[in-house]
Protein backbone atom coordinates (compact mmCIF):
# COMPACT_ATOMS: atom_id res chain seq x y z
CA UNK A 1 -15.29 -9.29 -23.15
CA UNK A 2 -16.92 -7.33 -20.38
CA UNK A 3 -15.45 -6.73 -16.97
CA UNK A 4 -15.53 -9.71 -14.62
CA UNK A 5 -18.30 -9.43 -12.03
CA UNK A 6 -18.00 -11.82 -9.13
CA UNK A 7 -21.07 -13.97 -8.45
CA UNK A 8 -21.99 -16.12 -5.43
CA UNK A 9 -20.85 -19.27 -7.25
CA UNK A 10 -17.43 -17.65 -7.82
CA UNK A 11 -17.22 -16.75 -4.13
CA UNK A 12 -17.96 -20.37 -3.22
CA UNK A 13 -15.23 -21.60 -5.58
CA UNK A 14 -12.72 -19.17 -4.05
CA UNK A 15 -13.79 -20.16 -0.53
CA UNK A 16 -13.37 -23.86 -1.41
CA UNK A 17 -9.85 -23.18 -2.75
CA UNK A 18 -8.92 -21.20 0.36
CA UNK A 19 -10.36 -23.91 2.62
CA UNK A 20 -8.34 -26.57 0.76
CA UNK A 21 -5.21 -24.58 1.66
CA UNK A 22 -6.45 -24.16 5.27
CA UNK A 23 -7.16 -20.42 4.81
CA UNK A 24 -3.46 -19.78 5.52
CA UNK A 25 -1.95 -16.56 4.17
CA UNK A 26 1.31 -18.53 3.85
CA UNK A 27 -0.40 -20.51 1.07
CA UNK A 28 -1.31 -17.35 -0.90
CA UNK A 29 0.69 -18.30 -4.01
CA UNK A 30 -0.89 -21.77 -4.13
CA UNK A 31 -4.35 -20.26 -3.60
CA UNK A 32 -3.85 -17.70 -6.36
CA UNK A 33 -2.45 -20.35 -8.71
CA UNK A 34 -5.52 -22.54 -8.13
CA UNK A 35 -7.86 -19.57 -8.58
CA UNK A 36 -6.15 -18.63 -11.84
CA UNK A 37 -6.50 -22.22 -13.10
CA UNK A 38 -10.21 -21.99 -12.26
CA UNK A 39 -10.96 -18.53 -13.73
CA UNK A 40 -8.24 -18.28 -16.38
CA UNK A 41 -6.90 -15.07 -14.82
CA UNK A 42 -7.04 -13.09 -11.57
CA UNK A 43 -9.42 -10.15 -11.93
CA UNK A 44 -9.60 -7.56 -9.16
CA UNK A 45 -12.82 -9.04 -7.68
CA UNK A 46 -11.14 -12.45 -7.26
CA UNK A 47 -8.13 -10.84 -5.57
CA UNK A 48 -10.43 -8.91 -3.21
CA UNK A 49 -12.32 -12.07 -2.26
CA UNK A 50 -9.08 -13.98 -1.55
CA UNK A 51 -7.86 -11.09 0.61
CA UNK A 52 -11.18 -10.99 2.49
CA UNK A 53 -11.19 -14.74 3.21
CA UNK A 54 -7.53 -14.82 4.29
CA UNK A 55 -7.96 -11.60 6.27
CA UNK A 56 -5.02 -9.91 4.52
CA UNK A 57 -4.83 -6.66 2.58
CA UNK A 58 -5.80 -6.45 -1.07
CA UNK A 59 -2.44 -4.68 -1.56
CA UNK A 60 -0.60 -7.80 -0.38
CA UNK A 61 -2.56 -10.00 -2.81
CA UNK A 62 -2.05 -7.53 -5.66
CA UNK A 63 1.66 -7.34 -4.82
CA UNK A 64 2.04 -11.09 -5.24
CA UNK A 65 -0.08 -11.17 -8.43
CA UNK A 66 1.84 -8.31 -10.04
CA UNK A 67 5.27 -9.61 -8.95
CA UNK A 68 5.11 -13.12 -10.42
CA UNK A 69 5.01 -13.30 -14.22
CA UNK A 70 2.93 -16.50 -14.24
CA UNK A 71 -0.05 -14.62 -12.78
CA UNK A 72 -2.19 -12.50 -15.06
CA UNK A 73 -4.90 -9.95 -14.40
CA UNK A 74 -6.16 -9.99 -17.99
CA UNK A 75 -8.12 -12.78 -19.63
CA UNK A 76 -6.23 -15.12 -21.94
CA UNK A 77 -7.45 -16.67 -25.15
CA UNK A 78 -8.60 -20.27 -25.34
CA UNK A 79 -5.15 -20.94 -26.80
CA UNK A 80 -2.58 -18.70 -25.12
CA UNK A 81 0.50 -18.16 -27.30
CA UNK A 82 3.86 -17.28 -25.74
CA UNK A 83 6.87 -16.45 -27.87
CA UNK A 84 10.28 -16.94 -26.28
CA UNK A 85 12.41 -13.80 -26.53
CA UNK A 86 15.41 -15.22 -24.69
CA UNK A 87 18.83 -14.66 -26.26
CA UNK A 88 19.01 -17.88 -28.30
CA UNK A 89 15.49 -17.44 -29.69
CA UNK A 90 15.96 -13.73 -30.31
CA UNK A 91 19.14 -14.14 -32.34
CA UNK A 92 17.55 -16.95 -34.35
CA UNK A 93 14.55 -14.89 -35.46
CA UNK A 94 11.95 -14.84 -32.68
CA UNK A 95 11.10 -11.24 -33.55
CA UNK A 96 10.08 -12.25 -37.11
CA UNK A 97 7.90 -15.01 -35.63
CA UNK A 98 6.33 -12.53 -33.22
CA UNK A 99 5.70 -9.99 -36.01
CA UNK A 100 4.02 -12.70 -38.09
CA UNK A 101 1.80 -13.71 -35.17
CA UNK A 102 0.79 -10.08 -34.56
CA UNK A 103 -0.03 -9.73 -38.26
CA UNK A 104 -1.95 -13.03 -38.57
CA UNK A 105 -3.92 -12.53 -35.34
CA UNK A 106 -4.31 -8.76 -35.72
CA UNK A 107 -3.44 -8.16 -32.05
CA UNK A 108 -0.54 -6.69 -30.08
CA UNK A 109 1.47 -8.45 -27.39
CA UNK A 110 -0.80 -8.76 -24.36
CA UNK A 111 -3.90 -8.83 -26.57
CA UNK A 112 -6.65 -11.35 -27.18
CA UNK A 113 -8.28 -12.00 -30.56
CA UNK A 114 -11.86 -10.72 -30.91
CA UNK A 115 -13.22 -14.27 -30.90
CA UNK A 116 -11.31 -15.04 -27.67
CA UNK A 117 -9.48 -17.88 -29.40
CA UNK A 118 -5.86 -16.70 -29.09
CA UNK A 119 -3.90 -14.42 -26.79
CA UNK A 120 -0.32 -13.33 -27.40
CA UNK A 121 2.50 -12.84 -24.93
CA UNK A 122 6.28 -13.00 -24.76
CA UNK A 123 8.41 -14.70 -22.18
CA UNK A 124 12.10 -14.72 -21.37
CA UNK A 125 13.20 -18.34 -21.73
CA UNK A 126 11.45 -21.69 -21.98
CA UNK A 127 14.67 -23.68 -21.61
CA UNK A 128 14.46 -25.14 -25.11
CA UNK A 129 17.33 -23.09 -26.55
CA UNK A 130 18.40 -25.89 -28.88
CA UNK A 131 15.03 -25.57 -30.65
CA UNK A 132 15.22 -21.77 -31.05
CA UNK A 133 13.17 -19.88 -31.97
CA UNK A 134 10.40 -21.35 -29.82
CA UNK A 135 6.76 -20.57 -29.03
CA UNK A 136 4.23 -22.24 -26.80
CA UNK A 137 0.56 -22.60 -27.57
CA UNK A 138 -0.92 -23.67 -24.27
CA UNK A 139 1.68 -26.18 -23.10
CA UNK A 140 2.63 -27.42 -26.58
CA UNK A 141 6.12 -26.37 -27.68
CA UNK A 142 6.83 -25.38 -31.29
CA UNK A 143 10.53 -25.17 -32.11
CA UNK A 144 12.79 -24.20 -35.02
CA UNK A 145 10.06 -21.82 -36.12
CA UNK A 146 9.97 -19.77 -39.25
CA UNK A 147 7.50 -16.97 -39.89
CA UNK A 148 6.28 -18.88 -42.96
CA UNK A 149 5.01 -21.75 -40.71
CA UNK A 150 2.84 -19.56 -38.47
CA UNK A 151 -0.36 -19.54 -40.56
CA UNK A 152 -0.35 -23.33 -40.87
CA UNK A 153 0.16 -23.75 -37.11
CA UNK A 154 -2.63 -21.29 -36.25
CA UNK A 155 -4.99 -22.93 -38.77
CA UNK A 156 -4.54 -26.26 -36.96
CA UNK A 157 -6.37 -24.74 -33.91
CA UNK A 158 -9.99 -24.80 -35.04
């Protein structure tokens, strides 16, 4: 995937989002969340355009994007995978699940498969400790995972 280059249509989308939130810097998190839903991530050009429209510094926008873990500056796969590494999941084998995912997908944590289908990340806790170990694919939760189930789960995403 090449670097994101902002186009006029992207600028209009960002302007529409900002207008919806009344171009108020106090709504920055909501604006960035909406922009990320639209673009899939928040590349530098999108952050610059938000800063320009809201008349705030790019550093302020970047500070918010880099502070909150739900924002990302790198593209995600069509099916983003997140493995819970919270205590309950970790002690019940989340690391084996993660290793199997890395092996099956041939990517590291933070990576995206060559076909853009899957991306892989870790998170701290999904609040489903009773189902540990847990992973999310998109918003679908998979619990009581075993490394041996990973291939079958991935194959179901065609």
